[in-house]
Protein backbone atom coordinates (compact mmCIF):
# COMPACT_ATOMS: atom_id res chain seq x y z
CA UNK A 1 -41.30 15.30 24.85
CA UNK A 2 -40.89 12.16 23.46
CA UNK A 3 -38.39 10.30 21.95
CA UNK A 4 -39.62 10.86 18.30
CA UNK A 5 -40.46 14.62 19.03
CA UNK A 6 -36.59 15.23 20.13
CA UNK A 7 -35.60 13.83 16.69
CA UNK A 8 -38.26 15.70 14.71
CA UNK A 9 -37.43 18.66 16.03
CA UNK A 10 -33.63 18.48 15.79
CA UNK A 11 -34.07 17.24 12.07
CA UNK A 12 -35.67 20.52 11.42
CA UNK A 13 -33.15 21.94 12.88
CA UNK A 14 -30.36 20.22 11.00
CA UNK A 15 -31.97 19.96 7.65
CA UNK A 16 -35.23 21.93 7.26
CA UNK A 17 -34.58 22.19 3.36
CA UNK A 18 -35.94 25.36 1.60
CA UNK A 19 -36.72 27.32 5.13
CA UNK A 20 -33.46 29.54 4.79
CA UNK A 21 -32.65 29.65 8.75
CA UNK A 22 -29.49 29.83 10.02
CA UNK A 23 -29.45 27.14 11.74
CA UNK A 24 -30.03 24.76 8.69
CA UNK A 25 -26.72 26.51 6.74
CA UNK A 26 -24.68 25.70 9.57
CA UNK A 27 -25.59 22.31 9.86
CA UNK A 28 -25.20 22.06 6.49
CA UNK A 29 -21.96 23.20 6.32
CA UNK A 30 -20.46 20.90 9.36
CA UNK A 31 -21.70 17.95 7.39
CA UNK A 32 -20.47 19.26 4.19
CA UNK A 33 -16.81 19.60 5.90
CA UNK A 34 -17.40 16.58 7.40
CA UNK A 35 -18.58 14.53 4.37
CA UNK A 36 -15.08 15.94 2.80
CA UNK A 37 -12.88 14.91 5.63
CA UNK A 38 -13.84 11.81 5.73
CA UNK A 39 -14.05 11.16 1.88
CA UNK A 40 -10.06 12.41 2.00
CA UNK A 41 -9.23 9.99 4.49
CA UNK A 42 -11.07 6.94 3.45
CA UNK A 43 -9.08 7.56 -0.07
CA UNK A 44 -5.88 8.24 0.99
CA UNK A 45 -6.12 5.32 3.47
CA UNK A 46 -7.15 3.22 0.42
CA UNK A 47 -3.99 4.17 -1.41
CA UNK A 48 -1.32 3.84 1.30
CA UNK A 49 -3.09 0.18 1.88
CA UNK A 50 -2.97 -0.88 -1.33
CA UNK A 51 1.09 0.47 -1.54
CA UNK A 52 1.36 -1.70 1.67
CA UNK A 53 -0.97 -4.83 0.09
CA UNK A 54 1.11 -4.84 -3.58
CA UNK A 55 4.40 -4.77 -1.25
CA UNK A 56 3.78 -7.86 0.74
CA UNK A 57 1.83 -9.58 -2.03
CA UNK A 58 3.30 -9.18 -4.79
CA UNK A 59 6.83 -7.74 -4.82
CA UNK A 60 7.48 -10.40 -1.58
CA UNK A 61 5.86 -13.26 -3.56
CA UNK A 62 8.86 -12.51 -6.37
CA UNK A 63 11.65 -12.24 -3.88
CA UNK A 64 13.52 -14.37 -1.80
CA UNK A 65 12.67 -13.86 1.79
CA UNK A 66 16.11 -15.46 2.38
CA UNK A 67 18.89 -15.99 0.70
CA UNK A 68 21.92 -18.36 1.48
CA UNK A 69 25.01 -18.06 -0.25
CA UNK A 70 28.26 -19.34 0.06
CA UNK A 71 31.89 -17.60 -0.23
CA UNK A 72 32.97 -20.57 -2.64
CA UNK A 73 30.68 -21.67 -4.37
CA UNK A 74 27.75 -24.27 -3.14
CA UNK A 75 28.09 -27.84 -5.49
CA UNK A 76 26.09 -29.99 -3.57
CA UNK A 77 23.28 -27.77 -2.84
CA UNK A 78 20.50 -31.07 -3.22
CA UNK A 79 21.76 -32.08 0.20
CA UNK A 80 21.55 -28.93 1.86
CA UNK A 81 18.14 -27.88 0.62
CA UNK A 82 16.81 -31.05 1.93
CA UNK A 83 18.58 -30.14 5.45
CA UNK A 84 17.02 -26.73 5.45
CA UNK A 85 13.62 -28.02 4.16
CA UNK A 86 13.34 -29.89 7.62
CA UNK A 87 13.68 -26.62 9.64
CA UNK A 88 9.94 -26.14 10.63
CA UNK A 89 10.06 -22.27 9.53
CA UNK A 90 11.19 -23.16 6.15
CA UNK A 91 8.67 -23.94 3.52
CA UNK A 92 11.09 -23.71 -0.15
CA UNK A 93 14.94 -24.09 -1.04
CA UNK A 94 15.60 -23.25 -4.72
CA UNK A 95 19.48 -22.80 -5.94
CA UNK A 96 20.61 -19.33 -8.02
CA UNK A 97 23.56 -18.23 -9.18
CA UNK A 98 24.41 -14.49 -9.27
CA UNK A 99 26.57 -12.75 -10.94
CA UNK A 100 27.55 -8.74 -11.93
CA UNK A 101 27.40 -8.24 -16.05
CA UNK A 102 27.47 -6.16 -18.52
CA UNK A 103 24.49 -6.65 -21.32
CA UNK A 104 25.18 -5.59 -24.93
CA UNK A 105 23.37 -5.27 -27.50
CA UNK A 106 24.59 -3.51 -30.60
CA UNK A 107 25.59 0.10 -29.30
CA UNK A 108 23.59 -0.36 -26.18
CA UNK A 109 25.33 -1.61 -22.87
CA UNK A 110 23.35 -2.07 -19.63
CA UNK A 111 24.67 -3.01 -16.19
CA UNK A 112 22.71 -5.26 -13.87
CA UNK A 113 23.08 -7.88 -11.64
CA UNK A 114 22.34 -11.10 -13.70
CA UNK A 115 20.38 -14.24 -11.83
CA UNK A 116 20.53 -17.66 -12.86
CA UNK A 117 17.48 -19.54 -11.78
CA UNK A 118 16.56 -23.26 -12.59
CA UNK A 119 13.65 -24.12 -14.44
CA UNK A 120 10.90 -27.21 -13.35
CA UNK A 121 9.16 -29.19 -15.25
CA UNK A 122 6.30 -28.36 -17.18
CA UNK A 123 3.66 -28.65 -15.01
CA UNK A 124 5.74 -28.05 -11.91
CA UNK A 125 4.41 -24.69 -10.39
CA UNK A 126 7.09 -22.03 -10.68
CA UNK A 127 8.45 -19.39 -7.78
CA UNK A 128 9.48 -16.16 -7.56
CA UNK A 129 10.17 -14.12 -10.80
CA UNK A 130 9.52 -16.72 -12.80
CA UNK A 131 6.05 -17.31 -11.79
CA UNK A 132 5.44 -13.95 -13.23
CA UNK A 133 5.77 -15.41 -16.68
CA UNK A 134 2.66 -16.68 -18.51
CA UNK A 135 3.01 -20.29 -20.01
CA UNK A 136 4.30 -19.05 -23.49
CA UNK A 137 7.24 -16.97 -22.13
CA UNK A 138 7.86 -19.60 -19.79
CA UNK A 139 7.97 -22.74 -22.33
CA UNK A 140 10.44 -20.31 -25.00
CA UNK A 141 12.52 -19.87 -22.14
CA UNK A 142 12.48 -23.51 -20.83
CA UNK A 143 13.29 -24.72 -24.65
CA UNK A 144 16.38 -22.35 -25.45
CA UNK A 145 19.52 -23.31 -23.46
CA UNK A 146 20.61 -19.83 -24.25
CA UNK A 147 17.78 -17.88 -22.94
CA UNK A 148 17.72 -14.46 -21.25
CA UNK A 149 14.62 -12.95 -19.75
CA UNK A 150 14.98 -8.93 -18.93
CA UNK A 151 13.17 -6.58 -16.77
CA UNK A 152 10.77 -4.35 -18.84
CA UNK A 153 12.88 -0.69 -17.88
CA UNK A 154 16.06 -3.13 -18.80
CA UNK A 155 15.07 -4.45 -22.14
CA UNK A 156 13.61 -0.44 -23.16
CA UNK A 157 17.20 0.85 -21.97
CA UNK A 158 18.71 -2.21 -24.82
CA UNK A 159 16.02 -1.26 -27.13
CA UNK A 160 15.57 -4.95 -27.23
CA UNK A 161 12.38 -7.42 -28.18
CA UNK A 162 12.00 -11.02 -27.70
CA UNK A 163 13.95 -13.20 -30.18
CA UNK A 164 17.04 -10.18 -30.29
CA UNK A 165 20.67 -11.84 -29.55
CA UNK A 166 22.66 -10.05 -26.38
CA UNK A 167 26.22 -10.18 -25.23
CA UNK A 168 26.97 -11.15 -21.28
CA UNK A 169 30.01 -9.86 -20.38
CA UNK A 170 31.09 -10.74 -16.87
CA UNK A 171 34.33 -10.02 -15.04
CA UNK A 172 36.23 -13.26 -13.72
CA UNK A 173 38.23 -12.60 -10.20
CA UNK A 174 40.33 -15.85 -11.19
CA UNK A 175 42.91 -14.16 -12.97
CA UNK A 176 42.40 -10.59 -12.91
CA UNK A 177 44.11 -8.51 -15.35
CA UNK A 178 44.91 -11.32 -17.75
CA UNK A 179 43.28 -11.63 -21.15
CA UNK A 180 41.03 -13.89 -20.19
CA UNK A 181 39.72 -11.66 -16.74
CA UNK A 182 36.46 -11.31 -18.60
CA UNK A 183 34.31 -14.06 -19.85
CA UNK A 184 31.39 -13.81 -22.77
CA UNK A 185 28.30 -15.55 -23.22
CA UNK A 186 25.46 -14.85 -25.85
CA UNK A 187 21.92 -15.05 -25.01
CA UNK A 188 18.79 -14.48 -26.87
CA UNK A 189 15.88 -13.08 -25.27
CA UNK A 190 12.64 -14.95 -24.88
CA UNK A 191 10.63 -12.91 -22.65
CA UNK A 192 10.62 -9.61 -21.12
CA UNK A 193 9.09 -9.43 -17.50
CA UNK A 194 6.96 -6.72 -16.48
CA UNK A 195 5.96 -6.97 -12.62
CA UNK A 196 4.60 -3.41 -12.48
CA UNK A 197 7.14 -3.17 -9.32
CA UNK A 198 10.62 -2.17 -9.34
CA UNK A 199 11.95 -5.07 -9.64
CA UNK A 200 11.69 -4.69 -13.60
CA UNK A 201 14.62 -2.21 -13.26
CA UNK A 202 17.36 -5.04 -12.37
CA UNK A 203 16.03 -8.15 -13.45
CA UNK A 204 18.25 -10.51 -16.00
CA UNK A 205 17.68 -14.12 -16.10
CA UNK A 206 19.41 -16.92 -17.38
CA UNK A 207 19.31 -20.47 -17.08
CA UNK A 208 21.12 -21.84 -13.96
CA UNK A 209 23.55 -23.83 -16.01
CA UNK A 210 24.99 -20.91 -18.28
CA UNK A 211 24.88 -18.63 -15.06
CA UNK A 212 27.55 -20.94 -13.32
CA UNK A 213 29.74 -20.68 -16.33
CA UNK A 214 29.23 -17.07 -16.33
CA UNK A 215 30.42 -16.55 -13.03
CA UNK A 216 32.82 -19.13 -13.07
CA UNK A 217 31.64 -21.49 -10.51
CA UNK A 218 31.80 -24.61 -13.03
CA UNK A 219 28.83 -26.54 -11.92
CA UNK A 220 28.33 -24.85 -8.83
CA UNK A 221 25.76 -22.23 -7.13
CA UNK A 222 25.69 -19.02 -5.23
CA UNK A 223 23.53 -20.40 -2.67
CA UNK A 224 19.66 -21.39 -1.88
CA UNK A 225 16.85 -18.40 -1.99
CA UNK A 226 14.15 -19.60 0.69
CA UNK A 227 11.07 -18.78 1.22
CA UNK A 228 9.71 -18.95 4.95
CA UNK A 229 6.48 -18.79 7.00
CA UNK A 230 6.81 -15.31 8.75
CA UNK A 231 7.88 -13.49 6.60
CA UNK A 232 8.45 -10.80 9.37
CA UNK A 233 10.52 -12.63 11.44
CA UNK A 234 13.80 -13.10 8.36
CA UNK A 235 16.32 -11.40 10.10
CA UNK A 236 15.96 -14.24 13.06
CA UNK A 237 15.50 -16.97 10.94
CA UNK A 238 18.42 -16.33 8.74
CA UNK A 239 20.66 -16.23 11.78
CA UNK A 240 19.53 -19.07 13.00
CA UNK A 241 20.16 -20.87 9.79
CA UNK A 242 24.07 -19.41 9.05
CA UNK A 243 24.46 -20.87 12.66
CA UNK A 244 23.93 -24.46 11.87
CA UNK A 245 25.86 -24.42 8.42
CA UNK A 246 29.67 -25.07 8.22
CA UNK A 247 31.85 -21.98 8.03
CA UNK A 248 31.95 -19.79 4.72
CA UNK A 249 28.37 -18.96 4.51
CA UNK A 250 26.20 -15.62 5.03
CA UNK A 251 22.73 -15.08 4.98
CA UNK A 252 20.47 -12.54 3.55
CA UNK A 253 16.93 -11.14 3.65
CA UNK A 254 14.25 -9.02 1.74
CA UNK A 255 14.21 -6.42 4.72
CA UNK A 256 18.05 -5.60 3.72
CA UNK A 257 16.55 -4.81 0.46
CA UNK A 258 13.32 -3.86 0.56
CA UNK A 259 12.69 -2.83 4.56
CA UNK A 260 13.48 0.15 4.47
CA UNK A 261 10.84 1.12 1.73
CA UNK A 262 8.48 -1.22 4.01
CA UNK A 263 9.06 0.43 6.91
CA UNK A 264 8.61 3.99 4.79
CA UNK A 265 5.48 3.39 3.49
CA UNK A 266 4.34 1.76 6.69
CA UNK A 267 5.42 5.53 8.64
CA UNK A 268 3.76 7.34 5.82
CA UNK A 269 0.46 5.59 6.62
CA UNK A 270 0.64 6.58 9.94
CA UNK A 271 1.47 10.16 9.44
CA UNK A 272 -1.13 10.80 7.32
CA UNK A 273 -3.58 9.01 9.08
CA UNK A 274 -2.84 11.28 11.85
CA UNK A 275 -2.96 14.37 9.79
CA UNK A 276 -6.48 13.16 8.13
CA UNK A 277 -7.59 12.59 11.78
CA UNK A 278 -6.55 15.87 12.69
CA UNK A 279 -9.04 17.28 9.40
CA UNK A 280 -12.15 15.60 10.87
CA UNK A 281 -11.07 17.08 14.68
CA UNK A 282 -11.34 20.40 12.53
CA UNK A 283 -14.65 19.15 11.81
CA UNK A 284 -16.06 17.95 14.60
CA UNK A 285 -15.16 21.92 16.09
CA UNK A 286 -16.60 23.58 13.42
CA UNK A 287 -19.56 21.16 14.41
CA UNK A 288 -19.48 22.66 17.85
CA UNK A 289 -18.99 26.89 16.92
CA UNK A 290 -22.29 25.81 14.67
CA UNK A 291 -24.00 24.52 17.35
CA UNK A 292 -23.51 27.29 19.58
CA UNK A 293 -24.69 29.71 16.71
CA UNK A 294 -27.75 27.43 16.63
CA UNK A 295 -28.38 27.70 20.42
CA UNK A 296 -28.54 31.78 19.75
CA UNK A 297 -30.44 31.67 16.87
CA UNK A 298 -33.17 29.73 18.71
CA UNK A 299 -32.97 31.21 21.86
CA UNK A 300 -36.47 32.03 21.08
CA UNK A 301 -37.76 28.87 20.32
CA UNK A 302 -36.04 27.16 22.86
CA UNK A 303 -38.17 29.74 25.10
CA UNK A 304 -40.83 28.79 24.03
CA UNK A 305 -40.34 24.89 24.30
CA UNK A 306 -39.52 25.30 27.85
CA UNK A 307 -43.14 27.51 28.32
CA UNK A 308 -44.83 24.49 26.20
CA UNK A 309 -43.45 21.89 29.18
CA UNK A 310 -40.25 20.68 27.84
CA UNK A 311 -37.27 20.30 30.54
CA UNK A 312 -33.88 21.66 30.11
CA UNK A 313 -32.68 17.27 29.34
CA UNK A 314 -35.39 17.89 26.54
CA UNK A 315 -33.32 20.89 25.24
CA UNK A 316 -29.67 18.94 25.72
CA UNK A 317 -31.08 16.05 24.10
CA UNK A 318 -32.37 18.25 21.05
CA UNK A 319 -28.89 19.65 20.50
CA UNK A 320 -27.29 16.34 20.92
CA UNK A 321 -29.35 14.59 18.74
CA UNK A 322 -28.89 17.03 16.20
CA UNK A 323 -24.95 16.58 16.79
CA UNK A 324 -25.55 12.99 16.32
CA UNK A 325 -27.73 13.53 13.12
CA UNK A 326 -25.11 15.78 11.68
CA UNK A 327 -22.36 12.88 12.32
CA UNK A 328 -24.96 10.46 10.86
CA UNK A 329 -25.26 12.11 7.73
CA UNK A 330 -21.98 12.78 7.56
CA UNK A 331 -20.38 9.48 7.98
CA UNK A 332 -23.11 8.01 5.80
CA UNK A 333 -21.93 10.21 2.34
CA UNK A 334 -18.32 10.80 3.63
CA UNK A 335 -17.86 7.01 4.03
CA UNK A 336 -19.78 6.22 0.58
CA UNK A 337 -17.87 9.11 -1.61
CA UNK A 338 -14.96 7.68 0.35
CA UNK A 339 -15.40 3.77 -0.77
CA UNK A 340 -16.07 5.02 -4.46
CA UNK A 341 -13.23 7.40 -5.13
CA UNK A 342 -10.94 4.97 -3.81
CA UNK A 343 -12.20 2.84 -6.65
CA UNK A 344 -12.21 4.97 -8.89
CA UNK A 345 -8.72 6.55 -8.36
CA UNK A 346 -6.58 3.94 -10.55
CA UNK A 347 -8.61 4.33 -13.07
CA UNK A 348 -8.61 8.11 -13.12
CA UNK A 349 -4.75 8.33 -12.85
CA UNK A 350 -4.69 6.42 -15.33
CA UNK A 351 -6.43 7.64 -17.95
CA UNK A 352 -5.02 11.36 -17.34
CA UNK A 353 -1.36 9.69 -17.61
CA UNK A 354 -3.12 8.84 -20.82
CA UNK A 355 -4.11 12.00 -22.06
CA UNK A 356 -1.25 13.76 -20.48
CA UNK A 357 1.51 11.42 -21.92
CA UNK A 358 2.93 11.04 -18.47
CA UNK A 359 3.56 8.66 -16.07
CA UNK A 360 2.70 9.86 -12.28
CA UNK A 361 4.17 6.85 -11.32
CA UNK A 362 8.06 5.41 -12.01
CA UNK A 363 9.77 2.21 -10.86
CA UNK A 364 12.81 4.83 -10.66
CA UNK A 365 11.17 6.12 -7.55
CA UNK A 366 8.34 3.97 -6.55
CA UNK A 367 8.18 0.47 -5.42
CA UNK A 368 5.27 -0.12 -8.32
CA UNK A 369 4.28 1.76 -11.41
CA UNK A 370 0.68 1.92 -10.71
CA UNK A 371 -1.28 3.87 -7.93
CA UNK A 372 -2.76 0.58 -6.02
CA UNK A 373 -5.56 0.93 -3.57
CA UNK A 374 -7.08 -1.52 -1.58
CA UNK A 375 -10.23 -0.33 0.66
CA UNK A 376 -9.88 -1.95 4.10
CA UNK A 377 -13.74 -2.64 6.11
CA UNK A 378 -12.15 -2.15 9.29
CA UNK A 379 -10.80 1.49 8.01
CA UNK A 380 -14.11 2.43 6.99
CA UNK A 381 -15.60 1.35 10.10
CA UNK A 382 -12.94 2.91 12.20
CA UNK A 383 -13.17 6.19 10.41
CA UNK A 384 -17.16 6.39 10.53
CA UNK A 385 -17.07 5.79 13.74
CA UNK A 386 -14.57 7.69 15.59
CA UNK A 387 -16.17 11.01 13.19
CA UNK A 388 -19.54 10.20 14.62
CA UNK A 389 -18.48 9.70 18.17
CA UNK A 390 -16.27 12.72 18.00
CA UNK A 391 -19.86 14.79 16.68
CA UNK A 392 -21.52 13.29 19.28
CA UNK A 393 -19.14 14.94 21.84
CA UNK A 394 -18.37 17.70 20.21
CA UNK A 395 -22.39 18.80 20.28
CA UNK A 396 -22.19 18.48 24.41
CA UNK A 397 -21.51 21.70 24.94
CA UNK A 398 -23.88 23.70 22.85
CA UNK A 399 -26.32 21.39 24.68
CA UNK A 400 -25.51 22.34 28.03
CA UNK A 401 -25.24 26.18 26.81
CA UNK A 402 -28.83 25.58 25.44
CA UNK A 403 -30.22 23.70 28.67
CA UNK A 404 -28.79 26.74 30.88
CA UNK A 405 -30.78 29.18 29.14
CA UNK A 406 -33.90 30.80 31.33
CA UNK A 407 -36.77 31.16 29.37
CA UNK A 408 -37.89 34.06 31.43
CA UNK A 409 -35.19 36.36 30.78
CA UNK A 410 -35.09 35.63 27.10
CA UNK A 411 -39.13 36.20 26.57
CA UNK A 412 -38.10 39.38 28.56
CA UNK A 413 -35.53 40.25 26.17
CA UNK A 414 -37.82 39.56 23.18
CA UNK A 415 -40.77 41.18 24.39
CA UNK A 416 -38.37 44.61 25.76
């Protein structure tokens, strides 16, 4: 038999629509299972990739990769910043002040860690959290020396709106227990930071000069925020930088604050991949069982083909091709539906949240407040390739069974 004839027979056994044959029903059932498995796997992988991407590109672009802090406060920070920028792995170095404080508006009180940042010139690109503000919000904050930026969740807890006046109370460690053991400052809410991430739960930014006074540093800063070239080597880089500095400095990095979350996302992605690939394995096993039943259903046809001159190899190739056709159709349709469903999932979830007036993802629990999706061509190719290969391999055993059938014995059974 020619290759064209083999493919034509395999196609008839697989997708002879409207004929009512058992082989067609079993092939369609196997194909449907494969389509559902591939669609589900691509959709879930795209969502997990979305969380991974948001973690790397959104959250890690807003937080410092490494923070170098001084126990006593750092006064000559420009000199140290220039020294650190000479290190090949350090890209930027910005001063900051951090302090614990109470933020009051009327009867509402919120506790969070305040952050003092330097606002550059109008034409200078902002970094970190300030880069998440639009030009109007940033200019409003720049023009007000008592300006304040709150994360969306913090502002909601305080029922604060832009333009409201808030009082900041920070403890003083100089003389605890005295009448002046707390520092007070009056601020005006200039902007509300809405990054859609967990940072909205903890952000409270003031000008670095005001933060220095609130923290009792009197013009000094807490340390320097650094961005580095290799974000996955921050532990080593931070240790090396501290060794080059005089005593009294220590470092923290993003892995200490967000590393567990990133590791959890990676672990979840790996576990989900294993689970869903096993579903494809079940679909491939369904191909084996379906093709074995097809072999029994088509014994008469196989015997007739053998008497007409088809070799056992031709018979085997028919069923291998049938498994390949099931895999090819399942992969093509499954990958297409998987990509489409991945692209539609965020809109569907947002519409469902609006309809039910319910938020499925909250930054109290999840790193972002929306469902992120990132469809990778590599994932689609790997899933499709593995599924197709499993279908072809699954067809080998039924093909060998079909090739081993004796046509004389089959025809004798048919006659008797």
